[in-house]
Amino acid sequence: MIKDGREFLKLCRPQAYNFIFADAWPGKYSHLHFALSTLAVSGLYLIDDLLPQSNWPNHHQLKVDDLLSFFNQLDSFAISHLHWDSGCAVITKLKEDAFETELIAWEDYKFLFSEETF
């Protein structure tokens, strides 16, 4: 399927996937609530490009830090950091959670739930 990632995430069924590799902005730095709702309990969410890189735009490290902080604050996900290559994290969904209602209001995390591409 060839489709814009934002549109694809909006159309996915809840808990439809056991594995998500979020390599693009949608589902990693925007539209996160759509991506996580499609992940089944016990499913794995893999993200990369977490270590600083010379080609990053200004302030991108802040987004990376906020994304990792978001997952570290949730009891419904377990995160394992892998500090090799570009930096990866393997995140396991432990239970269904209402993370959106808890954390979406936090100013630091608003961009994660945005439906805009920055």
C-alpha atoms as a PDB file:
ATOM      1  CA  MET A   1       0.000   0.000   0.000  1.00  0.00           C
ATOM      2  CA  ILE A   2       1.290   3.425  -0.900  1.00  0.00           C
ATOM      3  CA  LYS A   3      -0.417   6.076   1.156  1.00  0.00           C
ATOM      4  CA  ASP A   4       0.434   9.139   3.182  1.00  0.00           C
ATOM      5  CA  GLY A   5       1.359   7.961   6.686  1.00  0.00           C
ATOM      6  CA  ARG A   6      -1.001  10.422   8.347  1.00  0.00           C
ATOM      7  CA  GLU A   7      -3.973   9.236   6.331  1.00  0.00           C
ATOM      8  CA  PHE A   8      -3.058   5.572   6.789  1.00  0.00           C
ATOM      9  CA  LEU A   9      -2.902   5.905  10.578  1.00  0.00           C
ATOM     10  CA  LYS A  10      -6.323   7.539  10.705  1.00  0.00           C
ATOM     11  CA  LEU A  11      -7.853   4.578   8.838  1.00  0.00           C
ATOM     12  CA  CYS A  12      -6.306   1.745  10.869  1.00  0.00           C
ATOM     13  CA  ARG A  13      -8.374  -0.443  13.155  1.00  0.00           C
ATOM     14  CA  PRO A  14      -7.623  -0.402  16.897  1.00  0.00           C
ATOM     15  CA  GLN A  15      -5.108  -3.045  18.017  1.00  0.00           C
ATOM     16  CA  ALA A  16      -4.610  -4.239  14.438  1.00  0.00           C
ATOM     17  CA  TYR A  17      -0.811  -4.606  14.547  1.00  0.00           C
ATOM     18  CA  ASN A  18       1.671  -6.534  16.670  1.00  0.00           C
ATOM     19  CA  PHE A  19       4.686  -4.607  15.368  1.00  0.00           C
ATOM     20  CA  ILE A  20       5.122  -1.003  14.276  1.00  0.00           C
ATOM     21  CA  PHE A  21       8.399   0.442  13.016  1.00  0.00           C
ATOM     22  CA  ALA A  22       7.926   4.198  13.191  1.00  0.00           C
ATOM     23  CA  ASP A  23      10.596   5.532  10.869  1.00  0.00           C
ATOM     24  CA  ALA A  24       8.754   8.614   9.616  1.00  0.00           C
ATOM     25  CA  TRP A  25       7.364  11.697  11.324  1.00  0.00           C
ATOM     26  CA  PRO A  26       3.693  10.535  11.382  1.00  0.00           C
ATOM     27  CA  GLY A  27       3.345   7.963  14.132  1.00  0.00           C
ATOM     28  CA  LYS A  28       6.506   9.125  15.859  1.00  0.00           C
ATOM     29  CA  TYR A  29       6.473  12.922  16.215  1.00  0.00           C
ATOM     30  CA  SER A  30       2.859  13.525  15.215  1.00  0.00           C
ATOM     31  CA  HIS A  31      -0.268  11.371  15.079  1.00  0.00           C
ATOM     32  CA  LEU A  32       1.174   9.255  17.897  1.00  0.00           C
ATOM     33  CA  HIS A  33      -2.229   8.506  19.409  1.00  0.00           C
ATOM     34  CA  PHE A  34      -3.323   6.944  16.114  1.00  0.00           C
ATOM     35  CA  ALA A  35      -0.217   4.755  15.930  1.00  0.00           C
ATOM     36  CA  LEU A  36      -0.423   3.586  19.529  1.00  0.00           C
ATOM     37  CA  SER A  37      -4.125   2.789  19.297  1.00  0.00           C
ATOM     38  CA  THR A  38      -3.410   0.446  16.365  1.00  0.00           C
ATOM     39  CA  LEU A  39      -0.785  -1.424  18.403  1.00  0.00           C
ATOM     40  CA  ALA A  40      -2.064  -4.587  20.076  1.00  0.00           C
ATOM     41  CA  VAL A  41      -1.384  -5.275  23.743  1.00  0.00           C
ATOM     42  CA  SER A  42       2.019  -7.064  23.910  1.00  0.00           C
ATOM     43  CA  GLY A  43       2.871  -5.455  20.571  1.00  0.00           C
ATOM     44  CA  LEU A  44       6.219  -3.823  19.842  1.00  0.00           C
ATOM     45  CA  TYR A  45       6.724  -0.229  18.724  1.00  0.00           C
ATOM     46  CA  LEU A  46      10.229   0.395  17.362  1.00  0.00           C
ATOM     47  CA  ILE A  47      11.625   3.872  16.812  1.00  0.00           C
ATOM     48  CA  ASP A  48      15.041   4.891  15.543  1.00  0.00           C
ATOM     49  CA  ASP A  49      17.115   8.033  15.012  1.00  0.00           C
ATOM     50  CA  LEU A  50      17.183   8.895  18.700  1.00  0.00           C
ATOM     51  CA  LEU A  51      20.847   9.856  19.064  1.00  0.00           C
ATOM     52  CA  PRO A  52      21.970  13.330  17.930  1.00  0.00           C
ATOM     53  CA  GLN A  53      22.806  13.632  14.245  1.00  0.00           C
ATOM     54  CA  SER A  54      24.540  16.453  12.393  1.00  0.00           C
ATOM     55  CA  ASN A  55      21.700  16.859   9.878  1.00  0.00           C
ATOM     56  CA  TRP A  56      18.962  17.422  12.464  1.00  0.00           C
ATOM     57  CA  PRO A  57      17.077  20.710  12.376  1.00  0.00           C
ATOM     58  CA  ASN A  58      17.384  23.070  15.337  1.00  0.00           C
ATOM     59  CA  HIS A  59      15.524  21.930  18.442  1.00  0.00           C
ATOM     60  CA  HIS A  60      14.927  18.400  17.124  1.00  0.00           C
ATOM     61  CA  GLN A  61      16.720  16.911  20.138  1.00  0.00           C
ATOM     62  CA  LEU A  62      14.006  18.453  22.329  1.00  0.00           C
ATOM     63  CA  LYS A  63      11.365  16.510  20.400  1.00  0.00           C
ATOM     64  CA  VAL A  64      13.343  13.284  20.811  1.00  0.00           C
ATOM     65  CA  ASP A  65      13.731  13.916  24.537  1.00  0.00           C
ATOM     66  CA  ASP A  66      10.017  14.654  24.927  1.00  0.00           C
ATOM     67  CA  LEU A  67       9.039  11.530  22.982  1.00  0.00           C
ATOM     68  CA  LEU A  68      11.193   9.319  25.207  1.00  0.00           C
ATOM     69  CA  SER A  69       9.997  11.106  28.333  1.00  0.00           C
ATOM     70  CA  PHE A  70       6.402  10.501  27.254  1.00  0.00           C
ATOM     71  CA  PHE A  71       6.937   6.741  27.129  1.00  0.00           C
ATOM     72  CA  ASN A  72       8.905   6.719  30.379  1.00  0.00           C
ATOM     73  CA  GLN A  73       5.921   8.319  32.165  1.00  0.00           C
ATOM     74  CA  LEU A  74       3.407   5.653  31.129  1.00  0.00           C
ATOM     75  CA  ASP A  75       2.726   2.476  33.098  1.00  0.00           C
ATOM     76  CA  SER A  76       1.116   0.933  30.038  1.00  0.00           C
ATOM     77  CA  PHE A  77       4.377   0.790  28.056  1.00  0.00           C
ATOM     78  CA  ALA A  78       7.851  -0.606  28.798  1.00  0.00           C
ATOM     79  CA  ILE A  79      10.763   1.012  26.984  1.00  0.00           C
ATOM     80  CA  SER A  80      14.234  -0.365  26.268  1.00  0.00           C
ATOM     81  CA  HIS A  81      16.833   2.082  24.948  1.00  0.00           C
ATOM     82  CA  LEU A  82      19.456   0.787  22.523  1.00  0.00           C
ATOM     83  CA  HIS A  83      22.417   3.162  22.266  1.00  0.00           C
ATOM     84  CA  TRP A  84      23.946   1.930  19.026  1.00  0.00           C
ATOM     85  CA  ASP A  85      23.874   3.118  15.447  1.00  0.00           C
ATOM     86  CA  SER A  86      21.400   6.027  15.242  1.00  0.00           C
ATOM     87  CA  GLY A  87      19.803   5.121  18.569  1.00  0.00           C
ATOM     88  CA  CYS A  88      16.732   2.933  18.895  1.00  0.00           C
ATOM     89  CA  ALA A  89      14.035   2.183  21.403  1.00  0.00           C
ATOM     90  CA  VAL A  90      11.917  -0.937  21.590  1.00  0.00           C
ATOM     91  CA  ILE A  91       8.653  -0.171  23.338  1.00  0.00           C
ATOM     92  CA  THR A  92       6.186  -2.845  24.432  1.00  0.00           C
ATOM     93  CA  LYS A  93       2.521  -2.091  24.984  1.00  0.00           C
ATOM     94  CA  LEU A  94       1.695  -3.738  28.313  1.00  0.00           C
ATOM     95  CA  LYS A  95      -1.972  -2.812  28.517  1.00  0.00           C
ATOM     96  CA  GLU A  96      -4.572  -0.623  26.893  1.00  0.00           C
ATOM     97  CA  ASP A  97      -4.441   2.819  28.449  1.00  0.00           C
ATOM     98  CA  ALA A  98      -6.120   6.170  28.284  1.00  0.00           C
ATOM     99  CA  PHE A  99      -2.768   7.923  27.843  1.00  0.00           C
ATOM    100  CA  GLU A 100      -4.397  10.486  25.617  1.00  0.00           C
ATOM    101  CA  THR A 101      -6.555  11.890  28.386  1.00  0.00           C
ATOM    102  CA  GLU A 102      -3.725  11.871  30.935  1.00  0.00           C
ATOM    103  CA  LEU A 103      -0.846  13.290  28.955  1.00  0.00           C
ATOM    104  CA  ILE A 104      -2.265  14.983  25.885  1.00  0.00           C
ATOM    105  CA  ALA A 105      -2.895  18.100  27.977  1.00  0.00           C
ATOM    106  CA  TRP A 106       0.772  18.387  28.969  1.00  0.00           C
ATOM    107  CA  GLU A 107       2.303  21.192  26.949  1.00  0.00           C
ATOM    108  CA  ASP A 108       5.553  19.271  26.365  1.00  0.00           C
ATOM    109  CA  TYR A 109       3.715  16.434  24.625  1.00  0.00           C
ATOM    110  CA  LYS A 110       1.153  18.296  22.502  1.00  0.00           C
ATOM    111  CA  PHE A 111       3.202  17.949  19.317  1.00  0.00           C
ATOM    112  CA  LEU A 112       3.050  14.135  19.613  1.00  0.00           C
ATOM    113  CA  PHE A 113      -0.710  14.190  19.163  1.00  0.00           C
ATOM    114  CA  SER A 114      -0.773  16.878  16.516  1.00  0.00           C
ATOM    115  CA  GLU A 115      -2.298  16.090  13.167  1.00  0.00           C
ATOM    116  CA  GLU A 116       0.014  18.554  11.467  1.00  0.00           C
ATOM    117  CA  THR A 117       3.446  17.875  10.048  1.00  0.00           C
ATOM    118  CA  PHE A 118       6.059  20.334  11.237  1.00  0.00           C
END
